[in-house]
Amino acid sequence: MPLERAVKSELRDKVSLANKENVDSVIASVTEVRATLAEDDKDYARLTGWLEDLEVVKGGKVVGKFGDTA
């Protein structure tokens, strides 16, 4: 079952505002919601991408910034 629009919107906002100080709690929130989805759900794939982006933030990088290689 896909995510409710409000839940997806709330998570998207948290992900877009994530920084080194709050990234761990945002990762926990996304991981918790993703655990409720089937692996073949399109929202599962979307949240997986968000988790990858959050790992970049956790590493001190800026998502999408040119020149960041890791």
C-alpha atoms as a PDB file:
ATOM      1  CA  MET A   1       0.000   0.000   0.000  1.00  0.00           C
ATOM      2  CA  PRO A   2       1.497   3.367  -1.002  1.00  0.00           C
ATOM      3  CA  LEU A   3       2.252   5.996   1.585  1.00  0.00           C
ATOM      4  CA  GLU A   4      -0.393   8.513   2.469  1.00  0.00           C
ATOM      5  CA  ARG A   5       0.265  11.867   0.854  1.00  0.00           C
ATOM      6  CA  ALA A   6       0.588  13.650   4.215  1.00  0.00           C
ATOM      7  CA  VAL A   7       3.168  11.152   5.506  1.00  0.00           C
ATOM      8  CA  LYS A   8       5.189  11.376   2.297  1.00  0.00           C
ATOM      9  CA  SER A   9       5.068  15.169   2.391  1.00  0.00           C
ATOM     10  CA  GLU A  10       6.183  15.311   6.018  1.00  0.00           C
ATOM     11  CA  LEU A  11       9.106  12.971   5.355  1.00  0.00           C
ATOM     12  CA  ARG A  12      10.103  14.861   2.204  1.00  0.00           C
ATOM     13  CA  ASP A  13      10.226  18.082   4.225  1.00  0.00           C
ATOM     14  CA  LYS A  14      12.386  16.461   6.901  1.00  0.00           C
ATOM     15  CA  VAL A  15      14.751  15.033   4.295  1.00  0.00           C
ATOM     16  CA  SER A  16      15.100  18.322   2.463  1.00  0.00           C
ATOM     17  CA  LEU A  17      15.895  20.171   5.703  1.00  0.00           C
ATOM     18  CA  ALA A  18      18.263  17.531   7.083  1.00  0.00           C
ATOM     19  CA  ASN A  19      21.644  18.668   8.330  1.00  0.00           C
ATOM     20  CA  LYS A  20      24.475  17.108  10.313  1.00  0.00           C
ATOM     21  CA  GLU A  21      22.743  17.922  13.599  1.00  0.00           C
ATOM     22  CA  ASN A  22      19.428  16.179  12.870  1.00  0.00           C
ATOM     23  CA  VAL A  23      20.317  13.678  10.156  1.00  0.00           C
ATOM     24  CA  ASP A  24      20.297  10.659  12.489  1.00  0.00           C
ATOM     25  CA  SER A  25      16.720  11.295  13.609  1.00  0.00           C
ATOM     26  CA  VAL A  26      15.611  11.876  10.009  1.00  0.00           C
ATOM     27  CA  ILE A  27      17.257   8.602   8.956  1.00  0.00           C
ATOM     28  CA  ALA A  28      15.414   6.843  11.792  1.00  0.00           C
ATOM     29  CA  SER A  29      12.086   8.344  10.698  1.00  0.00           C
ATOM     30  CA  VAL A  30      12.543   7.350   7.060  1.00  0.00           C
ATOM     31  CA  THR A  31      13.747   3.871   8.000  1.00  0.00           C
ATOM     32  CA  GLU A  32      10.759   3.347  10.292  1.00  0.00           C
ATOM     33  CA  VAL A  33       8.266   4.269   7.587  1.00  0.00           C
ATOM     34  CA  ARG A  34      10.112   2.295   4.904  1.00  0.00           C
ATOM     35  CA  ALA A  35       9.865  -0.825   7.084  1.00  0.00           C
ATOM     36  CA  THR A  36       6.077  -0.688   6.698  1.00  0.00           C
ATOM     37  CA  LEU A  37       6.267  -0.927   2.894  1.00  0.00           C
ATOM     38  CA  ALA A  38       6.721  -3.864   0.554  1.00  0.00           C
ATOM     39  CA  GLU A  39      10.066  -3.904  -1.248  1.00  0.00           C
ATOM     40  CA  ASP A  40       8.309  -3.732  -4.627  1.00  0.00           C
ATOM     41  CA  ASP A  41       6.382  -0.581  -3.637  1.00  0.00           C
ATOM     42  CA  LYS A  42       7.439   2.545  -5.536  1.00  0.00           C
ATOM     43  CA  ASP A  43       7.499   4.483  -2.258  1.00  0.00           C
ATOM     44  CA  TYR A  44       9.928   1.913  -0.815  1.00  0.00           C
ATOM     45  CA  ALA A  45      12.292   2.716  -3.678  1.00  0.00           C
ATOM     46  CA  ARG A  46      11.761   6.455  -3.160  1.00  0.00           C
ATOM     47  CA  LEU A  47      12.573   6.198   0.562  1.00  0.00           C
ATOM     48  CA  THR A  48      15.643   4.106  -0.220  1.00  0.00           C
ATOM     49  CA  GLY A  49      16.890   6.947  -2.415  1.00  0.00           C
ATOM     50  CA  TRP A  50      16.194   9.422   0.353  1.00  0.00           C
ATOM     51  CA  LEU A  51      18.198   7.273   2.776  1.00  0.00           C
ATOM     52  CA  GLU A  52      21.108   7.313   0.320  1.00  0.00           C
ATOM     53  CA  ASP A  53      20.880  11.112   0.158  1.00  0.00           C
ATOM     54  CA  LEU A  54      20.792  11.308   3.946  1.00  0.00           C
ATOM     55  CA  GLU A  55      23.962   9.221   4.179  1.00  0.00           C
ATOM     56  CA  VAL A  56      25.645  11.859   1.999  1.00  0.00           C
ATOM     57  CA  VAL A  57      24.452  14.565   4.402  1.00  0.00           C
ATOM     58  CA  LYS A  58      25.656  12.512   7.353  1.00  0.00           C
ATOM     59  CA  GLY A  59      29.080  12.380   5.742  1.00  0.00           C
ATOM     60  CA  GLY A  60      29.194  16.172   5.681  1.00  0.00           C
ATOM     61  CA  LYS A  61      28.544  16.584   1.973  1.00  0.00           C
ATOM     62  CA  VAL A  62      25.807  18.464   0.149  1.00  0.00           C
ATOM     63  CA  VAL A  63      23.478  16.303  -1.938  1.00  0.00           C
ATOM     64  CA  GLY A  64      23.833  17.107  -5.625  1.00  0.00           C
ATOM     65  CA  LYS A  65      26.768  19.462  -5.174  1.00  0.00           C
ATOM     66  CA  PHE A  66      29.215  19.136  -8.031  1.00  0.00           C
ATOM     67  CA  GLY A  67      32.643  17.897  -7.087  1.00  0.00           C
ATOM     68  CA  ASP A  68      31.447  15.661  -4.234  1.00  0.00           C
ATOM     69  CA  THR A  69      32.700  12.212  -5.046  1.00  0.00           C
ATOM     70  CA  ALA A  70      31.724  10.298  -1.940  1.00  0.00           C
END
